[in-house]
Amino acid sequence: IRSRTDTEGTCTTKSGNNIKIVKLNNQWYLDG
């Protein structure tokens, strides 16, 4: 995990890609 707030965060996958995760209606999703 690279960064995290209460509503979003960024993590690094095993392949090295960074992905953004966001919270919507109390559930977490991949941004986009």
ModelCIF file with pLDDT and N, C-alpha, C, O atoms, coordinates in Angstrom:
data_MODEL
#
_entry.id   MODEL 
#
_entity.id                         1 
_entity.type                       polymer 
_entity.pdbx_number_of_molecules   1 
#
_entity_poly.entity_id                      1 
_entity_poly.type                           'polypeptide(L)' 
_entity_poly.nstd_linkage                   no 
_entity_poly.nstd_monomer                   no 
_entity_poly.pdbx_seq_one_letter_code       IRSRTDTEGTCTTKSGNNIKIVKLNNQWYLDG 
_entity_poly.pdbx_seq_one_letter_code_can   IRSRTDTEGTCTTKSGNNIKIVKLNNQWYLDG 
_entity_poly.pdbx_strand_id                 A 
#
loop_
_entity_poly_seq.entity_id 
_entity_poly_seq.num 
_entity_poly_seq.mon_id 
_entity_poly_seq.hetero 
1 1  ILE n 
1 2  ARG n 
1 3  SER n 
1 4  ARG n 
1 5  THR n 
1 6  ASP n 
1 7  THR n 
1 8  GLU n 
1 9  GLY n 
1 10 THR n 
1 11 CYS n 
1 12 THR n 
1 13 THR n 
1 14 LYS n 
1 15 SER n 
1 16 GLY n 
1 17 ASN n 
1 18 ASN n 
1 19 ILE n 
1 20 LYS n 
1 21 ILE n 
1 22 VAL n 
1 23 LYS n 
1 24 LEU n 
1 25 ASN n 
1 26 ASN n 
1 27 GLN n 
1 28 TRP n 
1 29 TYR n 
1 30 LEU n 
1 31 ASP n 
1 32 GLY n 
#
_struct_asym.id          A 
_struct_asym.entity_id   1 
#
loop_
_ma_qa_metric.id 
_ma_qa_metric.mode 
_ma_qa_metric.name 
_ma_qa_metric.software_group_id 
_ma_qa_metric.type 
1 global pLDDT . pLDDT 
2 local  pLDDT . pLDDT 
#
_ma_qa_metric_global.metric_id      1 
_ma_qa_metric_global.metric_value   93.62 
_ma_qa_metric_global.model_id       1 
_ma_qa_metric_global.ordinal_id     1 
#
loop_
_ma_qa_metric_local.label_asym_id 
_ma_qa_metric_local.label_comp_id 
_ma_qa_metric_local.label_seq_id 
_ma_qa_metric_local.metric_id 
_ma_qa_metric_local.metric_value 
_ma_qa_metric_local.model_id 
_ma_qa_metric_local.ordinal_id 
A ILE 1  2 93.00 1 1  
A ARG 2  2 95.00 1 2  
A SER 3  2 95.00 1 3  
A ARG 4  2 95.00 1 4  
A THR 5  2 95.00 1 5  
A ASP 6  2 94.00 1 6  
A THR 7  2 95.00 1 7  
A GLU 8  2 96.00 1 8  
A GLY 9  2 96.00 1 9  
A THR 10 2 97.00 1 10 
A CYS 11 2 96.00 1 11 
A THR 12 2 96.00 1 12 
A THR 13 2 94.00 1 13 
A LYS 14 2 92.00 1 14 
A SER 15 2 93.00 1 15 
A GLY 16 2 93.00 1 16 
A ASN 17 2 94.00 1 17 
A ASN 18 2 95.00 1 18 
A ILE 19 2 96.00 1 19 
A LYS 20 2 97.00 1 20 
A ILE 21 2 96.00 1 21 
A VAL 22 2 96.00 1 22 
A LYS 23 2 94.00 1 23 
A LEU 24 2 88.00 1 24 
A ASN 25 2 84.00 1 25 
A ASN 26 2 90.00 1 26 
A GLN 27 2 91.00 1 27 
A TRP 28 2 94.00 1 28 
A TYR 29 2 93.00 1 29 
A LEU 30 2 93.00 1 30 
A ASP 31 2 93.00 1 31 
A GLY 32 2 87.00 1 32 
#
loop_
_atom_site.group_PDB 
_atom_site.id 
_atom_site.type_symbol 
_atom_site.label_atom_id 
_atom_site.label_alt_id 
_atom_site.label_comp_id 
_atom_site.label_asym_id 
_atom_site.label_entity_id 
_atom_site.label_seq_id 
_atom_site.pdbx_PDB_ins_code 
_atom_site.Cartn_x 
_atom_site.Cartn_y 
_atom_site.Cartn_z 
_atom_site.occupancy 
_atom_site.B_iso_or_equiv 
_atom_site.pdbx_formal_charge 
_atom_site.auth_seq_id 
_atom_site.auth_comp_id 
_atom_site.auth_asym_id 
_atom_site.auth_atom_id 
_atom_site.pdbx_PDB_model_num 
ATOM 1   N N  . ILE A 1 1  ? 0.861   -1.187 0.000   1.00 93.00 ? 1  ILE A N  1 
ATOM 2   C CA . ILE A 1 1  ? 0.000   0.000  0.000   1.00 93.00 ? 1  ILE A CA 1 
ATOM 3   C C  . ILE A 1 1  ? 0.891   1.228  0.000   1.00 93.00 ? 1  ILE A C  1 
ATOM 4   O O  . ILE A 1 1  ? 1.752   1.379  0.867   1.00 93.00 ? 1  ILE A O  1 
ATOM 5   N N  . ARG A 1 2  ? 0.683   2.113  -0.979  1.00 95.00 ? 2  ARG A N  1 
ATOM 6   C CA . ARG A 1 2  ? 1.483   3.337  -1.089  1.00 95.00 ? 2  ARG A CA 1 
ATOM 7   C C  . ARG A 1 2  ? 0.900   4.470  -0.271  1.00 95.00 ? 2  ARG A C  1 
ATOM 8   O O  . ARG A 1 2  ? 1.628   5.165  0.438   1.00 95.00 ? 2  ARG A O  1 
ATOM 9   N N  . SER A 1 3  ? -0.429  4.667  -0.362  1.00 95.00 ? 3  SER A N  1 
ATOM 10  C CA . SER A 1 3  ? -1.076  5.736  0.393   1.00 95.00 ? 3  SER A CA 1 
ATOM 11  C C  . SER A 1 3  ? -2.519  5.351  0.626   1.00 95.00 ? 3  SER A C  1 
ATOM 12  O O  . SER A 1 3  ? -3.091  4.538  -0.099  1.00 95.00 ? 3  SER A O  1 
ATOM 13  N N  . ARG A 1 4  ? -3.110  5.966  1.679   1.00 95.00 ? 4  ARG A N  1 
ATOM 14  C CA . ARG A 1 4  ? -4.498  5.639  1.992   1.00 95.00 ? 4  ARG A CA 1 
ATOM 15  C C  . ARG A 1 4  ? -5.128  6.760  2.801   1.00 95.00 ? 4  ARG A C  1 
ATOM 16  O O  . ARG A 1 4  ? -4.516  7.305  3.720   1.00 95.00 ? 4  ARG A O  1 
ATOM 17  N N  . THR A 1 5  ? -6.377  7.099  2.438   1.00 95.00 ? 5  THR A N  1 
ATOM 18  C CA . THR A 1 5  ? -7.196  8.002  3.241   1.00 95.00 ? 5  THR A CA 1 
ATOM 19  C C  . THR A 1 5  ? -8.483  7.243  3.564   1.00 95.00 ? 5  THR A C  1 
ATOM 20  O O  . THR A 1 5  ? -8.585  6.045  3.298   1.00 95.00 ? 5  THR A O  1 
ATOM 21  N N  . ASP A 1 6  ? -9.457  7.938  4.134   1.00 94.00 ? 6  ASP A N  1 
ATOM 22  C CA . ASP A 1 6  ? -10.734 7.293  4.447   1.00 94.00 ? 6  ASP A CA 1 
ATOM 23  C C  . ASP A 1 6  ? -11.557 6.971  3.199   1.00 94.00 ? 6  ASP A C  1 
ATOM 24  O O  . ASP A 1 6  ? -12.443 6.117  3.246   1.00 94.00 ? 6  ASP A O  1 
ATOM 25  N N  . THR A 1 7  ? -11.270 7.648  2.083   1.00 95.00 ? 7  THR A N  1 
ATOM 26  C CA . THR A 1 7  ? -12.086 7.471  0.886   1.00 95.00 ? 7  THR A CA 1 
ATOM 27  C C  . THR A 1 7  ? -11.331 6.964  -0.344  1.00 95.00 ? 7  THR A C  1 
ATOM 28  O O  . THR A 1 7  ? -11.964 6.646  -1.351  1.00 95.00 ? 7  THR A O  1 
ATOM 29  N N  . GLU A 1 8  ? -10.017 6.880  -0.295  1.00 96.00 ? 8  GLU A N  1 
ATOM 30  C CA . GLU A 1 8  ? -9.250  6.396  -1.441  1.00 96.00 ? 8  GLU A CA 1 
ATOM 31  C C  . GLU A 1 8  ? -7.869  5.952  -1.015  1.00 96.00 ? 8  GLU A C  1 
ATOM 32  O O  . GLU A 1 8  ? -7.409  6.259  0.085   1.00 96.00 ? 8  GLU A O  1 
ATOM 33  N N  . GLY A 1 9  ? -7.225  5.239  -1.888  1.00 96.00 ? 9  GLY A N  1 
ATOM 34  C CA . GLY A 1 9  ? -5.872  4.796  -1.614  1.00 96.00 ? 9  GLY A CA 1 
ATOM 35  C C  . GLY A 1 9  ? -5.220  4.309  -2.887  1.00 96.00 ? 9  GLY A C  1 
ATOM 36  O O  . GLY A 1 9  ? -5.881  4.092  -3.903  1.00 96.00 ? 9  GLY A O  1 
ATOM 37  N N  . THR A 1 10 ? -3.903  4.140  -2.816  1.00 97.00 ? 10 THR A N  1 
ATOM 38  C CA . THR A 1 10 ? -3.127  3.654  -3.942  1.00 97.00 ? 10 THR A CA 1 
ATOM 39  C C  . THR A 1 10 ? -2.279  2.484  -3.464  1.00 97.00 ? 10 THR A C  1 
ATOM 40  O O  . THR A 1 10 ? -1.704  2.511  -2.376  1.00 97.00 ? 10 THR A O  1 
ATOM 41  N N  . CYS A 1 11 ? -2.217  1.460  -4.300  1.00 96.00 ? 11 CYS A N  1 
ATOM 42  C CA . CYS A 1 11 ? -1.367  0.328  -3.947  1.00 96.00 ? 11 CYS A CA 1 
ATOM 43  C C  . CYS A 1 11 ? -0.588  -0.118 -5.177  1.00 96.00 ? 11 CYS A C  1 
ATOM 44  O O  . CYS A 1 11 ? -0.909  0.248  -6.307  1.00 96.00 ? 11 CYS A O  1 
ATOM 45  N N  . THR A 1 12 ? 0.440   -0.916 -4.925  1.00 96.00 ? 12 THR A N  1 
ATOM 46  C CA . THR A 1 12 ? 1.275   -1.443 -5.988  1.00 96.00 ? 12 THR A CA 1 
ATOM 47  C C  . THR A 1 12 ? 0.993   -2.935 -6.128  1.00 96.00 ? 12 THR A C  1 
ATOM 48  O O  . THR A 1 12 ? 1.052   -3.684 -5.153  1.00 96.00 ? 12 THR A O  1 
ATOM 49  N N  . THR A 1 13 ? 0.689   -3.351 -7.346  1.00 94.00 ? 13 THR A N  1 
ATOM 50  C CA . THR A 1 13 ? 0.417   -4.766 -7.587  1.00 94.00 ? 13 THR A CA 1 
ATOM 51  C C  . THR A 1 13 ? 1.731   -5.546 -7.622  1.00 94.00 ? 13 THR A C  1 
ATOM 52  O O  . THR A 1 13 ? 2.814   -4.960 -7.635  1.00 94.00 ? 13 THR A O  1 
ATOM 53  N N  . LYS A 1 14 ? 1.621   -6.849 -7.636  1.00 92.00 ? 14 LYS A N  1 
ATOM 54  C CA . LYS A 1 14 ? 2.807   -7.702 -7.679  1.00 92.00 ? 14 LYS A CA 1 
ATOM 55  C C  . LYS A 1 14 ? 3.604   -7.502 -8.952  1.00 92.00 ? 14 LYS A C  1 
ATOM 56  O O  . LYS A 1 14 ? 4.808   -7.757 -8.984  1.00 92.00 ? 14 LYS A O  1 
ATOM 57  N N  . SER A 1 15 ? 2.925   -7.038 -10.020 1.00 93.00 ? 15 SER A N  1 
ATOM 58  C CA . SER A 1 15 ? 3.628   -6.783 -11.282 1.00 93.00 ? 15 SER A CA 1 
ATOM 59  C C  . SER A 1 15 ? 4.255   -5.393 -11.325 1.00 93.00 ? 15 SER A C  1 
ATOM 60  O O  . SER A 1 15 ? 4.928   -5.051 -12.297 1.00 93.00 ? 15 SER A O  1 
ATOM 61  N N  . GLY A 1 16 ? 4.043   -4.581 -10.276 1.00 93.00 ? 16 GLY A N  1 
ATOM 62  C CA . GLY A 1 16 ? 4.651   -3.258 -10.208 1.00 93.00 ? 16 GLY A CA 1 
ATOM 63  C C  . GLY A 1 16 ? 3.755   -2.116 -10.638 1.00 93.00 ? 16 GLY A C  1 
ATOM 64  O O  . GLY A 1 16 ? 4.177   -0.962 -10.573 1.00 93.00 ? 16 GLY A O  1 
ATOM 65  N N  . ASN A 1 17 ? 2.548   -2.387 -11.069 1.00 94.00 ? 17 ASN A N  1 
ATOM 66  C CA . ASN A 1 17 ? 1.618   -1.324 -11.467 1.00 94.00 ? 17 ASN A CA 1 
ATOM 67  C C  . ASN A 1 17 ? 0.991   -0.686 -10.242 1.00 94.00 ? 17 ASN A C  1 
ATOM 68  O O  . ASN A 1 17 ? 0.697   -1.367 -9.260  1.00 94.00 ? 17 ASN A O  1 
ATOM 69  N N  . ASN A 1 18 ? 0.786   0.626  -10.300 1.00 95.00 ? 18 ASN A N  1 
ATOM 70  C CA . ASN A 1 18 ? 0.077   1.332  -9.236  1.00 95.00 ? 18 ASN A CA 1 
ATOM 71  C C  . ASN A 1 18 ? -1.390  1.440  -9.618  1.00 95.00 ? 18 ASN A C  1 
ATOM 72  O O  . ASN A 1 18 ? -1.716  1.824  -10.742 1.00 95.00 ? 18 ASN A O  1 
ATOM 73  N N  . ILE A 1 19 ? -2.274  1.104  -8.690  1.00 96.00 ? 19 ILE A N  1 
ATOM 74  C CA . ILE A 1 19 ? -3.706  1.238  -8.945  1.00 96.00 ? 19 ILE A CA 1 
ATOM 75  C C  . ILE A 1 19 ? -4.340  2.066  -7.842  1.00 96.00 ? 19 ILE A C  1 
ATOM 76  O O  . ILE A 1 19 ? -3.917  2.034  -6.686  1.00 96.00 ? 19 ILE A O  1 
ATOM 77  N N  . LYS A 1 20 ? -5.365  2.809  -8.232  1.00 97.00 ? 20 LYS A N  1 
ATOM 78  C CA . LYS A 1 20 ? -6.093  3.654  -7.290  1.00 97.00 ? 20 LYS A CA 1 
ATOM 79  C C  . LYS A 1 20 ? -7.398  2.957  -6.913  1.00 97.00 ? 20 LYS A C  1 
ATOM 80  O O  . LYS A 1 20 ? -8.134  2.480  -7.778  1.00 97.00 ? 20 LYS A O  1 
ATOM 81  N N  . ILE A 1 21 ? -7.671  2.905  -5.616  1.00 96.00 ? 21 ILE A N  1 
ATOM 82  C CA . ILE A 1 21 ? -8.880  2.282  -5.087  1.00 96.00 ? 21 ILE A CA 1 
ATOM 83  C C  . ILE A 1 21 ? -9.684  3.368  -4.394  1.00 96.00 ? 21 ILE A C  1 
ATOM 84  O O  . ILE A 1 21 ? -9.140  4.145  -3.610  1.00 96.00 ? 21 ILE A O  1 
ATOM 85  N N  . VAL A 1 22 ? -10.990 3.422  -4.685  1.00 96.00 ? 22 VAL A N  1 
ATOM 86  C CA . VAL A 1 22 ? -11.840 4.464  -4.116  1.00 96.00 ? 22 VAL A CA 1 
ATOM 87  C C  . VAL A 1 22 ? -13.035 3.844  -3.393  1.00 96.00 ? 22 VAL A C  1 
ATOM 88  O O  . VAL A 1 22 ? -13.450 2.723  -3.685  1.00 96.00 ? 22 VAL A O  1 
ATOM 89  N N  . LYS A 1 23 ? -13.574 4.607  -2.443  1.00 94.00 ? 23 LYS A N  1 
ATOM 90  C CA . LYS A 1 23 ? -14.731 4.156  -1.675  1.00 94.00 ? 23 LYS A CA 1 
ATOM 91  C C  . LYS A 1 23 ? -15.989 4.818  -2.221  1.00 94.00 ? 23 LYS A C  1 
ATOM 92  O O  . LYS A 1 23 ? -16.024 6.031  -2.428  1.00 94.00 ? 23 LYS A O  1 
ATOM 93  N N  . LEU A 1 24 ? -17.023 4.010  -2.451  1.00 88.00 ? 24 LEU A N  1 
ATOM 94  C CA . LEU A 1 24 ? -18.313 4.496  -2.934  1.00 88.00 ? 24 LEU A CA 1 
ATOM 95  C C  . LEU A 1 24 ? -19.394 3.712  -2.209  1.00 88.00 ? 24 LEU A C  1 
ATOM 96  O O  . LEU A 1 24 ? -19.420 2.482  -2.264  1.00 88.00 ? 24 LEU A O  1 
ATOM 97  N N  . ASN A 1 25 ? -20.282 4.419  -1.534  1.00 84.00 ? 25 ASN A N  1 
ATOM 98  C CA . ASN A 1 25 ? -21.380 3.778  -0.797  1.00 84.00 ? 25 ASN A CA 1 
ATOM 99  C C  . ASN A 1 25 ? -20.889 2.694  0.164   1.00 84.00 ? 25 ASN A C  1 
ATOM 100 O O  . ASN A 1 25 ? -21.456 1.603  0.222   1.00 84.00 ? 25 ASN A O  1 
ATOM 101 N N  . ASN A 1 26 ? -19.833 3.005  0.914   1.00 90.00 ? 26 ASN A N  1 
ATOM 102 C CA . ASN A 1 26 ? -19.246 2.101  1.911   1.00 90.00 ? 26 ASN A CA 1 
ATOM 103 C C  . ASN A 1 26 ? -18.661 0.827  1.326   1.00 90.00 ? 26 ASN A C  1 
ATOM 104 O O  . ASN A 1 26 ? -18.504 -0.160 2.045   1.00 90.00 ? 26 ASN A O  1 
ATOM 105 N N  . GLN A 1 27 ? -18.335 0.823  0.041   1.00 91.00 ? 27 GLN A N  1 
ATOM 106 C CA . GLN A 1 27 ? -17.652 -0.302 -0.581  1.00 91.00 ? 27 GLN A CA 1 
ATOM 107 C C  . GLN A 1 27 ? -16.478 0.222  -1.388  1.00 91.00 ? 27 GLN A C  1 
ATOM 108 O O  . GLN A 1 27 ? -16.512 1.344  -1.893  1.00 91.00 ? 27 GLN A O  1 
ATOM 109 N N  . TRP A 1 28 ? -15.437 -0.597 -1.509  1.00 94.00 ? 28 TRP A N  1 
ATOM 110 C CA . TRP A 1 28 ? -14.220 -0.202 -2.206  1.00 94.00 ? 28 TRP A CA 1 
ATOM 111 C C  . TRP A 1 28 ? -14.214 -0.766 -3.616  1.00 94.00 ? 28 TRP A C  1 
ATOM 112 O O  . TRP A 1 28 ? -14.608 -1.909 -3.847  1.00 94.00 ? 28 TRP A O  1 
ATOM 113 N N  . TYR A 1 29 ? -13.748 0.075  -4.575  1.00 93.00 ? 29 TYR A N  1 
ATOM 114 C CA . TYR A 1 29 ? -13.710 -0.295 -5.986  1.00 93.00 ? 29 TYR A CA 1 
ATOM 115 C C  . TYR A 1 29 ? -12.436 0.229  -6.627  1.00 93.00 ? 29 TYR A C  1 
ATOM 116 O O  . TYR A 1 29 ? -11.807 1.163  -6.131  1.00 93.00 ? 29 TYR A O  1 
ATOM 117 N N  . LEU A 1 30 ? -12.074 -0.389 -7.729  1.00 93.00 ? 30 LEU A N  1 
ATOM 118 C CA . LEU A 1 30 ? -10.995 0.128  -8.558  1.00 93.00 ? 30 LEU A CA 1 
ATOM 119 C C  . LEU A 1 30 ? -11.488 1.407  -9.211  1.00 93.00 ? 30 LEU A C  1 
ATOM 120 O O  . LEU A 1 30 ? -12.573 1.430  -9.791  1.00 93.00 ? 30 LEU A O  1 
ATOM 121 N N  . ASP A 1 31 ? -10.699 2.473  -9.122  1.00 93.00 ? 31 ASP A N  1 
ATOM 122 C CA . ASP A 1 31 ? -11.099 3.744  -9.736  1.00 93.00 ? 31 ASP A CA 1 
ATOM 123 C C  . ASP A 1 31 ? -11.270 3.537  -11.238 1.00 93.00 ? 31 ASP A C  1 
ATOM 124 O O  . ASP A 1 31 ? -10.397 2.975  -11.899 1.00 93.00 ? 31 ASP A O  1 
ATOM 125 N N  . GLY A 1 32 ? -12.386 3.989  -11.762 1.00 87.00 ? 32 GLY A N  1 
ATOM 126 C CA . GLY A 1 32 ? -12.684 3.808  -13.172 1.00 87.00 ? 32 GLY A CA 1 
ATOM 127 C C  . GLY A 1 32 ? -13.499 2.548  -13.440 1.00 87.00 ? 32 GLY A C  1 
ATOM 128 O O  . GLY A 1 32 ? -13.829 2.260  -14.590 1.00 87.00 ? 32 GLY A O  1 
#
